[in-house]
């Protein structure tokens, strides 16, 4: 019986460029400058935020964050890149810090952002963080 064929993607300049693209996008998002951030994304990008909220443009995500936080920034701790055939997946992890709408500061709120990069643009973004858990704790809700 012949051995199965495998196709392996090898890290390259393309993977380094994908990581840089994501980090530049995140910096623009934290300003916040949603129009500059949109320049790193395809016109048909699919953005899914924590809680399954779907957006089509960074300005929608900025609007959502404006309701949830007085202000918020990311302390980027790690960027991991997974090369693929025809696309690259980039994970950026770290913690959020900022202020809740009432002005109470917070820090250490874990996040994971997952990006799919094709042809030098972000085509998909998925966002997870601990904000909901922290809001429950602040309101003494055990769930």
C-alpha atoms as a PDB file:
ATOM      1  CA  UNK A   1       0.000   0.000   0.000  1.00  0.00           C
ATOM      2  CA  UNK A   2       1.538   3.360  -1.001  1.00  0.00           C
ATOM      3  CA  UNK A   3       2.109   6.030   1.642  1.00  0.00           C
ATOM      4  CA  UNK A   4      -0.498   8.801   1.653  1.00  0.00           C
ATOM      5  CA  UNK A   5       0.551  12.065   0.045  1.00  0.00           C
ATOM      6  CA  UNK A   6       0.734  15.114   2.236  1.00  0.00           C
ATOM      7  CA  UNK A   7       0.930  18.741   1.308  1.00  0.00           C
ATOM      8  CA  UNK A   8       2.688  20.906   3.860  1.00  0.00           C
ATOM      9  CA  UNK A   9       2.746  24.661   4.010  1.00  0.00           C
ATOM     10  CA  UNK A  10       6.113  26.041   5.025  1.00  0.00           C
ATOM     11  CA  UNK A  11       6.611  29.336   6.890  1.00  0.00           C
ATOM     12  CA  UNK A  12       7.814  32.082   4.563  1.00  0.00           C
ATOM     13  CA  UNK A  13       8.013  35.817   4.071  1.00  0.00           C
ATOM     14  CA  UNK A  14       4.278  35.587   3.413  1.00  0.00           C
ATOM     15  CA  UNK A  15       3.637  34.417   6.976  1.00  0.00           C
ATOM     16  CA  UNK A  16       5.793  37.219   8.404  1.00  0.00           C
ATOM     17  CA  UNK A  17       3.867  39.709   6.252  1.00  0.00           C
ATOM     18  CA  UNK A  18       0.563  38.299   7.519  1.00  0.00           C
ATOM     19  CA  UNK A  19       1.654  38.768  11.145  1.00  0.00           C
ATOM     20  CA  UNK A  20       2.757  42.340  10.411  1.00  0.00           C
ATOM     21  CA  UNK A  21      -0.536  43.073   8.618  1.00  0.00           C
ATOM     22  CA  UNK A  22      -2.530  41.913  11.652  1.00  0.00           C
ATOM     23  CA  UNK A  23      -0.446  43.921  14.092  1.00  0.00           C
ATOM     24  CA  UNK A  24      -0.763  47.073  11.946  1.00  0.00           C
ATOM     25  CA  UNK A  25      -4.520  46.497  11.727  1.00  0.00           C
ATOM     26  CA  UNK A  26      -4.771  46.143  15.518  1.00  0.00           C
ATOM     27  CA  UNK A  27      -2.802  49.350  16.100  1.00  0.00           C
ATOM     28  CA  UNK A  28      -5.165  51.251  13.757  1.00  0.00           C
ATOM     29  CA  UNK A  29      -8.147  49.681  15.529  1.00  0.00           C
ATOM     30  CA  UNK A  30      -6.913  50.863  18.936  1.00  0.00           C
ATOM     31  CA  UNK A  31      -6.517  54.512  17.894  1.00  0.00           C
ATOM     32  CA  UNK A  32      -9.457  53.992  16.968  1.00  0.00           C
ATOM     33  CA  UNK A  33      -9.288  54.707  13.251  1.00  0.00           C
ATOM     34  CA  UNK A  34     -11.810  52.322  11.666  1.00  0.00           C
ATOM     35  CA  UNK A  35     -11.265  53.723   8.164  1.00  0.00           C
ATOM     36  CA  UNK A  36      -7.507  53.097   8.330  1.00  0.00           C
ATOM     37  CA  UNK A  37      -8.209  49.651   9.835  1.00  0.00           C
ATOM     38  CA  UNK A  38     -10.546  48.878   6.926  1.00  0.00           C
ATOM     39  CA  UNK A  39      -7.598  49.350   4.548  1.00  0.00           C
ATOM     40  CA  UNK A  40      -6.148  46.099   5.876  1.00  0.00           C
ATOM     41  CA  UNK A  41      -9.361  44.158   5.182  1.00  0.00           C
ATOM     42  CA  UNK A  42     -11.096  42.827   2.093  1.00  0.00           C
ATOM     43  CA  UNK A  43     -14.315  44.552   1.042  1.00  0.00           C
ATOM     44  CA  UNK A  44     -16.294  41.419   1.943  1.00  0.00           C
ATOM     45  CA  UNK A  45     -14.614  40.764   5.312  1.00  0.00           C
ATOM     46  CA  UNK A  46     -16.528  38.719   7.888  1.00  0.00           C
ATOM     47  CA  UNK A  47     -16.023  40.008  11.450  1.00  0.00           C
ATOM     48  CA  UNK A  48     -17.414  38.039  14.395  1.00  0.00           C
ATOM     49  CA  UNK A  49     -17.058  39.488  17.881  1.00  0.00           C
ATOM     50  CA  UNK A  50     -17.504  37.830  21.227  1.00  0.00           C
ATOM     51  CA  UNK A  51     -21.092  36.709  21.757  1.00  0.00           C
ATOM     52  CA  UNK A  52     -21.477  35.924  18.056  1.00  0.00           C
ATOM     53  CA  UNK A  53     -21.999  39.539  16.954  1.00  0.00           C
ATOM     54  CA  UNK A  54     -21.400  39.931  13.203  1.00  0.00           C
ATOM     55  CA  UNK A  55     -19.978  43.040  11.577  1.00  0.00           C
ATOM     56  CA  UNK A  56     -19.011  43.957   7.990  1.00  0.00           C
ATOM     57  CA  UNK A  57     -16.728  46.946   8.690  1.00  0.00           C
ATOM     58  CA  UNK A  58     -14.362  47.978  11.510  1.00  0.00           C
ATOM     59  CA  UNK A  59     -16.538  51.047  12.241  1.00  0.00           C
ATOM     60  CA  UNK A  60     -19.291  48.677  13.431  1.00  0.00           C
ATOM     61  CA  UNK A  61     -16.861  46.969  15.827  1.00  0.00           C
ATOM     62  CA  UNK A  62     -15.670  50.391  17.039  1.00  0.00           C
ATOM     63  CA  UNK A  63     -19.299  51.363  17.675  1.00  0.00           C
ATOM     64  CA  UNK A  64     -19.869  48.163  19.642  1.00  0.00           C
ATOM     65  CA  UNK A  65     -16.754  48.778  21.747  1.00  0.00           C
ATOM     66  CA  UNK A  66     -17.898  52.356  22.432  1.00  0.00           C
ATOM     67  CA  UNK A  67     -21.000  50.919  24.119  1.00  0.00           C
ATOM     68  CA  UNK A  68     -19.051  48.333  26.135  1.00  0.00           C
ATOM     69  CA  UNK A  69     -16.029  50.422  27.207  1.00  0.00           C
ATOM     70  CA  UNK A  70     -15.252  54.076  27.896  1.00  0.00           C
ATOM     71  CA  UNK A  71     -11.985  53.187  26.171  1.00  0.00           C
ATOM     72  CA  UNK A  72     -10.064  49.969  25.552  1.00  0.00           C
ATOM     73  CA  UNK A  73      -6.595  49.033  24.301  1.00  0.00           C
ATOM     74  CA  UNK A  74      -4.749  45.772  23.719  1.00  0.00           C
ATOM     75  CA  UNK A  75      -1.508  44.695  25.300  1.00  0.00           C
ATOM     76  CA  UNK A  76      -0.388  42.413  22.484  1.00  0.00           C
ATOM     77  CA  UNK A  77       1.637  39.573  23.947  1.00  0.00           C
ATOM     78  CA  UNK A  78       1.963  37.047  21.142  1.00  0.00           C
ATOM     79  CA  UNK A  79       1.287  36.571  17.435  1.00  0.00           C
ATOM     80  CA  UNK A  80       1.191  33.027  16.082  1.00  0.00           C
ATOM     81  CA  UNK A  81       1.023  32.290  12.362  1.00  0.00           C
ATOM     82  CA  UNK A  82      -0.213  29.126  10.694  1.00  0.00           C
ATOM     83  CA  UNK A  83       0.563  28.955   6.973  1.00  0.00           C
ATOM     84  CA  UNK A  84      -1.935  27.243   4.746  1.00  0.00           C
ATOM     85  CA  UNK A  85      -2.623  26.585   1.106  1.00  0.00           C
ATOM     86  CA  UNK A  86      -4.035  29.814  -0.311  1.00  0.00           C
ATOM     87  CA  UNK A  87      -4.450  31.473   3.086  1.00  0.00           C
ATOM     88  CA  UNK A  88      -2.641  32.184   6.326  1.00  0.00           C
ATOM     89  CA  UNK A  89      -4.219  32.088   9.776  1.00  0.00           C
ATOM     90  CA  UNK A  90      -2.891  34.518  12.387  1.00  0.00           C
ATOM     91  CA  UNK A  91      -3.696  34.437  16.111  1.00  0.00           C
ATOM     92  CA  UNK A  92      -2.966  37.488  18.237  1.00  0.00           C
ATOM     93  CA  UNK A  93      -3.311  37.062  22.000  1.00  0.00           C
ATOM     94  CA  UNK A  94      -2.831  39.263  25.021  1.00  0.00           C
ATOM     95  CA  UNK A  95      -4.856  41.283  27.473  1.00  0.00           C
ATOM     96  CA  UNK A  96      -7.217  44.228  27.287  1.00  0.00           C
ATOM     97  CA  UNK A  97      -6.955  47.259  29.533  1.00  0.00           C
ATOM     98  CA  UNK A  98      -9.036  50.416  29.744  1.00  0.00           C
ATOM     99  CA  UNK A  99     -12.100  51.764  31.517  1.00  0.00           C
ATOM    100  CA  UNK A 100     -15.648  50.506  31.816  1.00  0.00           C
ATOM    101  CA  UNK A 101     -18.384  53.010  30.867  1.00  0.00           C
ATOM    102  CA  UNK A 102     -18.556  54.254  34.497  1.00  0.00           C
ATOM    103  CA  UNK A 103     -14.833  55.109  34.441  1.00  0.00           C
ATOM    104  CA  UNK A 104     -13.677  52.128  36.528  1.00  0.00           C
ATOM    105  CA  UNK A 105     -10.291  50.978  35.214  1.00  0.00           C
ATOM    106  CA  UNK A 106      -9.558  47.370  34.289  1.00  0.00           C
ATOM    107  CA  UNK A 107      -6.588  45.379  33.042  1.00  0.00           C
ATOM    108  CA  UNK A 108      -5.600  41.779  32.481  1.00  0.00           C
ATOM    109  CA  UNK A 109      -8.749  40.938  30.470  1.00  0.00           C
ATOM    110  CA  UNK A 110      -7.592  38.069  28.212  1.00  0.00           C
ATOM    111  CA  UNK A 111      -8.321  38.137  24.492  1.00  0.00           C
ATOM    112  CA  UNK A 112      -7.769  35.975  21.428  1.00  0.00           C
ATOM    113  CA  UNK A 113      -8.150  37.401  17.925  1.00  0.00           C
ATOM    114  CA  UNK A 114      -8.066  35.026  14.947  1.00  0.00           C
ATOM    115  CA  UNK A 115      -7.537  36.315  11.412  1.00  0.00           C
ATOM    116  CA  UNK A 116      -7.645  34.644   8.010  1.00  0.00           C
ATOM    117  CA  UNK A 117      -5.407  36.367   5.444  1.00  0.00           C
ATOM    118  CA  UNK A 118      -5.774  35.885   1.683  1.00  0.00           C
ATOM    119  CA  UNK A 119      -4.018  37.862  -1.024  1.00  0.00           C
ATOM    120  CA  UNK A 120      -2.530  40.253   1.556  1.00  0.00           C
ATOM    121  CA  UNK A 121      -5.854  41.229   3.172  1.00  0.00           C
ATOM    122  CA  UNK A 122      -7.844  40.164   6.220  1.00  0.00           C
ATOM    123  CA  UNK A 123     -10.912  38.236   4.987  1.00  0.00           C
ATOM    124  CA  UNK A 124     -12.107  36.959   8.361  1.00  0.00           C
ATOM    125  CA  UNK A 125     -11.691  38.138  11.952  1.00  0.00           C
ATOM    126  CA  UNK A 126     -12.945  36.340  15.060  1.00  0.00           C
ATOM    127  CA  UNK A 127     -12.701  37.967  18.506  1.00  0.00           C
ATOM    128  CA  UNK A 128     -12.975  36.389  21.959  1.00  0.00           C
ATOM    129  CA  UNK A 129     -12.315  37.958  25.375  1.00  0.00           C
ATOM    130  CA  UNK A 130     -13.230  37.726  29.056  1.00  0.00           C
ATOM    131  CA  UNK A 131     -15.240  40.979  29.210  1.00  0.00           C
ATOM    132  CA  UNK A 132     -18.592  39.251  29.763  1.00  0.00           C
ATOM    133  CA  UNK A 133     -17.142  37.222  32.656  1.00  0.00           C
ATOM    134  CA  UNK A 134     -15.693  40.370  34.181  1.00  0.00           C
ATOM    135  CA  UNK A 135     -18.998  42.220  33.842  1.00  0.00           C
ATOM    136  CA  UNK A 136     -20.776  39.339  35.603  1.00  0.00           C
ATOM    137  CA  UNK A 137     -18.215  39.411  38.420  1.00  0.00           C
ATOM    138  CA  UNK A 138     -18.503  43.218  38.789  1.00  0.00           C
ATOM    139  CA  UNK A 139     -22.242  42.795  39.194  1.00  0.00           C
ATOM    140  CA  UNK A 140     -21.892  39.912  41.701  1.00  0.00           C
ATOM    141  CA  UNK A 141     -23.572  37.468  39.307  1.00  0.00           C
ATOM    142  CA  UNK A 142     -22.455  33.893  39.705  1.00  0.00           C
ATOM    143  CA  UNK A 143     -23.167  31.947  36.536  1.00  0.00           C
END
